[in-house]
Amino acid sequence: MSTVAEMLKKARLIVRRSGASPDDADDIVQEAFARLAAYTRAHELRSEEAFLVSTAVNLSRDQARRRKRAPFEPAGADLEFIEDSAPQPDQIVRAQERLRRAGAGLERLSPLARRILLSQRLEGLTFPQIAAREGMSVAAVEKQLARAVMFLIKWMDGW
């Protein structure tokens, strides 16, 4: 006669060979063992091991059939393991502070440098387009933009 641990190990091995995941195999064997315990309260068995293994195999087959019919797990099965992609509150506060700091830095730029920077970054204009709009050379636009960007990089350093 086998020990309980040996019976459980054998049942788990057979269920795993039928294609169940390790977690599913553990659940199936646990359910089979619970059914064995309930059955033996009222009935006598010739082989508890045979009952356990055949019950585990049948439960595994039932589970495979259910998955074929409805291949998706029910919503809410493992909600604690779903990662929330939303930022944490402290990340939101830091981002808002950075945004306020960047806005203050933009305010410190000259009106021309600010217009050039925003035209290039937000409106997507090219240097020649900005130069034509501002009535200056492309080289002057590039120089103004470079200065504005360098100022903002230094302004935001450490934020």
C-alpha atoms as a PDB file:
ATOM      1  CA  MET A   1       0.000   0.000   0.000  1.00  0.00           C
ATOM      2  CA  SER A   2       1.349   3.422  -0.975  1.00  0.00           C
ATOM      3  CA  THR A   3       1.708   6.370   1.349  1.00  0.00           C
ATOM      4  CA  VAL A   4      -0.424   9.437   0.765  1.00  0.00           C
ATOM      5  CA  ALA A   5       2.605  11.427  -0.418  1.00  0.00           C
ATOM      6  CA  GLU A   6       3.480   8.725  -2.980  1.00  0.00           C
ATOM      7  CA  MET A   7      -0.115   8.578  -4.226  1.00  0.00           C
ATOM      8  CA  LEU A   8      -0.259  12.359  -4.639  1.00  0.00           C
ATOM      9  CA  LYS A   9       3.090  12.397  -6.417  1.00  0.00           C
ATOM     10  CA  LYS A  10       1.998   9.656  -8.816  1.00  0.00           C
ATOM     11  CA  ALA A  11      -1.330  11.375  -9.546  1.00  0.00           C
ATOM     12  CA  ARG A  12       0.410  14.702 -10.137  1.00  0.00           C
ATOM     13  CA  LEU A  13       2.926  13.089 -12.491  1.00  0.00           C
ATOM     14  CA  ILE A  14       0.190  11.444 -14.547  1.00  0.00           C
ATOM     15  CA  VAL A  15      -1.820  14.685 -14.734  1.00  0.00           C
ATOM     16  CA  ARG A  16       1.304  16.631 -15.776  1.00  0.00           C
ATOM     17  CA  ARG A  17       1.975  14.062 -18.538  1.00  0.00           C
ATOM     18  CA  SER A  18      -1.518  14.701 -19.877  1.00  0.00           C
ATOM     19  CA  GLY A  19      -0.536  18.319 -20.512  1.00  0.00           C
ATOM     20  CA  ALA A  20      -1.678  20.220 -17.429  1.00  0.00           C
ATOM     21  CA  SER A  21       0.459  23.064 -16.132  1.00  0.00           C
ATOM     22  CA  PRO A  22       2.179  22.598 -12.754  1.00  0.00           C
ATOM     23  CA  ASP A  23      -0.344  24.870 -11.023  1.00  0.00           C
ATOM     24  CA  ASP A  24      -3.299  23.188 -12.706  1.00  0.00           C
ATOM     25  CA  ALA A  25      -1.907  19.768 -11.848  1.00  0.00           C
ATOM     26  CA  ASP A  26      -1.671  20.739  -8.177  1.00  0.00           C
ATOM     27  CA  ASP A  27      -5.270  22.000  -8.213  1.00  0.00           C
ATOM     28  CA  ILE A  28      -6.540  18.878  -9.978  1.00  0.00           C
ATOM     29  CA  VAL A  29      -4.765  16.508  -7.576  1.00  0.00           C
ATOM     30  CA  GLN A  30      -6.037  18.480  -4.596  1.00  0.00           C
ATOM     31  CA  GLU A  31      -9.605  18.245  -5.907  1.00  0.00           C
ATOM     32  CA  ALA A  32      -9.163  14.515  -6.598  1.00  0.00           C
ATOM     33  CA  PHE A  33      -7.846  13.983  -3.068  1.00  0.00           C
ATOM     34  CA  ALA A  34     -10.810  15.881  -1.599  1.00  0.00           C
ATOM     35  CA  ARG A  35     -13.168  13.645  -3.574  1.00  0.00           C
ATOM     36  CA  LEU A  36     -11.277  10.568  -2.374  1.00  0.00           C
ATOM     37  CA  ALA A  37     -11.631  11.700   1.236  1.00  0.00           C
ATOM     38  CA  ALA A  38     -15.351  12.381   0.811  1.00  0.00           C
ATOM     39  CA  TYR A  39     -15.968   9.060  -0.949  1.00  0.00           C
ATOM     40  CA  THR A  40     -14.099   6.951   1.610  1.00  0.00           C
ATOM     41  CA  ARG A  41     -16.248   8.304   4.440  1.00  0.00           C
ATOM     42  CA  ALA A  42     -19.246   6.413   3.101  1.00  0.00           C
ATOM     43  CA  HIS A  43     -17.681   3.689   0.942  1.00  0.00           C
ATOM     44  CA  GLU A  44     -14.915   1.155   1.132  1.00  0.00           C
ATOM     45  CA  LEU A  45     -12.315   1.075  -1.641  1.00  0.00           C
ATOM     46  CA  ARG A  46     -10.086  -1.691  -2.840  1.00  0.00           C
ATOM     47  CA  SER A  47      -7.428   0.793  -3.995  1.00  0.00           C
ATOM     48  CA  GLU A  48      -7.372   4.390  -2.869  1.00  0.00           C
ATOM     49  CA  GLU A  49      -4.478   5.037  -5.249  1.00  0.00           C
ATOM     50  CA  ALA A  50      -6.466   3.840  -8.269  1.00  0.00           C
ATOM     51  CA  PHE A  51      -9.421   5.974  -7.236  1.00  0.00           C
ATOM     52  CA  LEU A  52      -7.189   9.036  -6.769  1.00  0.00           C
ATOM     53  CA  VAL A  53      -5.362   8.618 -10.077  1.00  0.00           C
ATOM     54  CA  SER A  54      -8.499   7.904 -12.125  1.00  0.00           C
ATOM     55  CA  THR A  55     -10.318  10.846 -10.522  1.00  0.00           C
ATOM     56  CA  ALA A  56      -7.367  13.147 -11.228  1.00  0.00           C
ATOM     57  CA  VAL A  57      -7.182  11.976 -14.850  1.00  0.00           C
ATOM     58  CA  ASN A  58     -10.927  12.490 -15.310  1.00  0.00           C
ATOM     59  CA  LEU A  59     -10.761  15.964 -13.766  1.00  0.00           C
ATOM     60  CA  SER A  60      -7.855  16.804 -16.064  1.00  0.00           C
ATOM     61  CA  ARG A  61      -9.856  15.661 -19.116  1.00  0.00           C
ATOM     62  CA  ASP A  62     -12.887  17.648 -17.959  1.00  0.00           C
ATOM     63  CA  GLN A  63     -10.747  20.752 -17.584  1.00  0.00           C
ATOM     64  CA  ALA A  64      -9.246  20.271 -21.059  1.00  0.00           C
ATOM     65  CA  ARG A  65     -12.754  19.947 -22.561  1.00  0.00           C
ATOM     66  CA  ARG A  66     -13.912  23.113 -20.775  1.00  0.00           C
ATOM     67  CA  ARG A  67     -10.883  25.009 -22.087  1.00  0.00           C
ATOM     68  CA  LYS A  68     -11.604  23.880 -25.639  1.00  0.00           C
ATOM     69  CA  ARG A  69     -15.161  25.189 -25.393  1.00  0.00           C
ATOM     70  CA  ALA A  70     -14.194  28.409 -23.590  1.00  0.00           C
ATOM     71  CA  PRO A  71     -10.432  28.931 -24.040  1.00  0.00           C
ATOM     72  CA  PHE A  72     -10.308  32.118 -21.995  1.00  0.00           C
ATOM     73  CA  GLU A  73     -10.069  32.282 -18.252  1.00  0.00           C
ATOM     74  CA  PRO A  74     -12.945  34.088 -16.583  1.00  0.00           C
ATOM     75  CA  ALA A  75     -12.250  37.753 -15.942  1.00  0.00           C
ATOM     76  CA  GLY A  76     -11.084  38.408 -12.432  1.00  0.00           C
ATOM     77  CA  ALA A  77      -9.355  35.064 -12.010  1.00  0.00           C
ATOM     78  CA  ASP A  78      -5.964  36.589 -11.234  1.00  0.00           C
ATOM     79  CA  LEU A  79      -6.656  40.302 -10.992  1.00  0.00           C
ATOM     80  CA  GLU A  80      -3.955  40.820  -8.399  1.00  0.00           C
ATOM     81  CA  PHE A  81      -1.361  39.766 -10.979  1.00  0.00           C
ATOM     82  CA  ILE A  82      -2.464  42.214 -13.676  1.00  0.00           C
ATOM     83  CA  GLU A  83      -0.035  45.086 -13.813  1.00  0.00           C
ATOM     84  CA  ASP A  84      -1.523  48.546 -13.689  1.00  0.00           C
ATOM     85  CA  SER A  85       0.208  50.629 -16.343  1.00  0.00           C
ATOM     86  CA  ALA A  86      -1.051  53.898 -14.862  1.00  0.00           C
ATOM     87  CA  PRO A  87       1.639  55.970 -13.168  1.00  0.00           C
ATOM     88  CA  GLN A  88       1.890  55.936  -9.397  1.00  0.00           C
ATOM     89  CA  PRO A  89       0.700  59.046  -7.521  1.00  0.00           C
ATOM     90  CA  ASP A  90       4.265  60.122  -6.696  1.00  0.00           C
ATOM     91  CA  GLN A  91       5.201  59.798 -10.377  1.00  0.00           C
ATOM     92  CA  ILE A  92       2.257  62.005 -11.318  1.00  0.00           C
ATOM     93  CA  VAL A  93       3.289  64.667  -8.810  1.00  0.00           C
ATOM     94  CA  ARG A  94       6.910  64.620 -10.048  1.00  0.00           C
ATOM     95  CA  ALA A  95       5.761  64.884 -13.660  1.00  0.00           C
ATOM     96  CA  GLN A  96       3.538  67.851 -12.805  1.00  0.00           C
ATOM     97  CA  GLU A  97       6.440  69.543 -11.014  1.00  0.00           C
ATOM     98  CA  ARG A  98       8.705  68.945 -14.030  1.00  0.00           C
ATOM     99  CA  LEU A  99       6.045  70.364 -16.319  1.00  0.00           C
ATOM    100  CA  ARG A 100       5.700  73.498 -14.180  1.00  0.00           C
ATOM    101  CA  ARG A 101       9.482  73.847 -14.126  1.00  0.00           C
ATOM    102  CA  ALA A 102       9.683  73.459 -17.923  1.00  0.00           C
ATOM    103  CA  GLY A 103       6.918  76.058 -18.338  1.00  0.00           C
ATOM    104  CA  ALA A 104       8.845  78.485 -16.138  1.00  0.00           C
ATOM    105  CA  GLY A 105      11.945  77.829 -18.262  1.00  0.00           C
ATOM    106  CA  LEU A 106      10.018  78.579 -21.448  1.00  0.00           C
ATOM    107  CA  GLU A 107       8.855  81.856 -19.907  1.00  0.00           C
ATOM    108  CA  ARG A 108      12.480  82.827 -19.272  1.00  0.00           C
ATOM    109  CA  LEU A 109      13.380  82.444 -22.972  1.00  0.00           C
ATOM    110  CA  SER A 110      13.252  85.487 -25.213  1.00  0.00           C
ATOM    111  CA  PRO A 111      10.021  85.726 -27.216  1.00  0.00           C
ATOM    112  CA  LEU A 112      11.932  84.978 -30.435  1.00  0.00           C
ATOM    113  CA  ALA A 113      13.715  81.921 -29.009  1.00  0.00           C
ATOM    114  CA  ARG A 114      10.410  80.642 -27.567  1.00  0.00           C
ATOM    115  CA  ARG A 115       8.606  81.069 -30.912  1.00  0.00           C
ATOM    116  CA  ILE A 116      11.398  79.277 -32.776  1.00  0.00           C
ATOM    117  CA  LEU A 117      11.541  76.418 -30.263  1.00  0.00           C
ATOM    118  CA  LEU A 118       7.771  75.917 -30.228  1.00  0.00           C
ATOM    119  CA  SER A 119       7.538  76.215 -34.027  1.00  0.00           C
ATOM    120  CA  GLN A 120      10.116  73.498 -34.467  1.00  0.00           C
ATOM    121  CA  ARG A 121       9.067  71.165 -31.617  1.00  0.00           C
ATOM    122  CA  LEU A 122       5.294  71.559 -31.521  1.00  0.00           C
ATOM    123  CA  GLU A 123       4.355  72.656 -35.026  1.00  0.00           C
ATOM    124  CA  GLY A 124       7.006  70.515 -36.718  1.00  0.00           C
ATOM    125  CA  LEU A 125       8.241  73.308 -38.965  1.00  0.00           C
ATOM    126  CA  THR A 126      11.616  72.988 -40.661  1.00  0.00           C
ATOM    127  CA  PHE A 127      14.433  75.501 -40.200  1.00  0.00           C
ATOM    128  CA  PRO A 128      13.816  77.102 -43.615  1.00  0.00           C
ATOM    129  CA  GLN A 129      10.092  77.454 -42.842  1.00  0.00           C
ATOM    130  CA  ILE A 130      10.814  79.097 -39.479  1.00  0.00           C
ATOM    131  CA  ALA A 131      13.458  81.358 -41.082  1.00  0.00           C
ATOM    132  CA  ALA A 132      10.957  82.523 -43.703  1.00  0.00           C
ATOM    133  CA  ARG A 133       8.271  83.138 -41.095  1.00  0.00           C
ATOM    134  CA  GLU A 134      10.619  85.060 -38.779  1.00  0.00           C
ATOM    135  CA  GLY A 135      12.444  86.899 -41.555  1.00  0.00           C
ATOM    136  CA  MET A 136      15.898  85.600 -40.649  1.00  0.00           C
ATOM    137  CA  SER A 137      18.527  83.243 -42.024  1.00  0.00           C
ATOM    138  CA  VAL A 138      18.450  79.484 -41.473  1.00  0.00           C
ATOM    139  CA  ALA A 139      21.762  79.720 -39.592  1.00  0.00           C
ATOM    140  CA  ALA A 140      20.279  82.308 -37.214  1.00  0.00           C
ATOM    141  CA  VAL A 141      17.264  80.044 -36.569  1.00  0.00           C
ATOM    142  CA  GLU A 142      19.562  77.083 -35.857  1.00  0.00           C
ATOM    143  CA  LYS A 143      21.634  79.205 -33.460  1.00  0.00           C
ATOM    144  CA  GLN A 144      18.540  80.519 -31.619  1.00  0.00           C
ATOM    145  CA  LEU A 145      17.123  77.008 -31.311  1.00  0.00           C
ATOM    146  CA  ALA A 146      20.421  75.584 -30.067  1.00  0.00           C
ATOM    147  CA  ARG A 147      20.686  78.295 -27.403  1.00  0.00           C
ATOM    148  CA  ALA A 148      17.074  77.763 -26.316  1.00  0.00           C
ATOM    149  CA  VAL A 149      17.538  74.015 -26.034  1.00  0.00           C
ATOM    150  CA  MET A 150      20.812  74.369 -24.102  1.00  0.00           C
ATOM    151  CA  PHE A 151      19.197  76.857 -21.725  1.00  0.00           C
ATOM    152  CA  LEU A 152      16.284  74.490 -21.057  1.00  0.00           C
ATOM    153  CA  ILE A 153      18.609  71.530 -20.539  1.00  0.00           C
ATOM    154  CA  LYS A 154      20.537  73.487 -17.896  1.00  0.00           C
ATOM    155  CA  TRP A 155      17.284  74.862 -16.449  1.00  0.00           C
ATOM    156  CA  MET A 156      15.870  71.350 -16.042  1.00  0.00           C
ATOM    157  CA  ASP A 157      19.093  69.784 -14.757  1.00  0.00           C
ATOM    158  CA  GLY A 158      18.326  67.899 -11.552  1.00  0.00           C
ATOM    159  CA  TRP A 159      14.582  67.907 -12.139  1.00  0.00           C
END
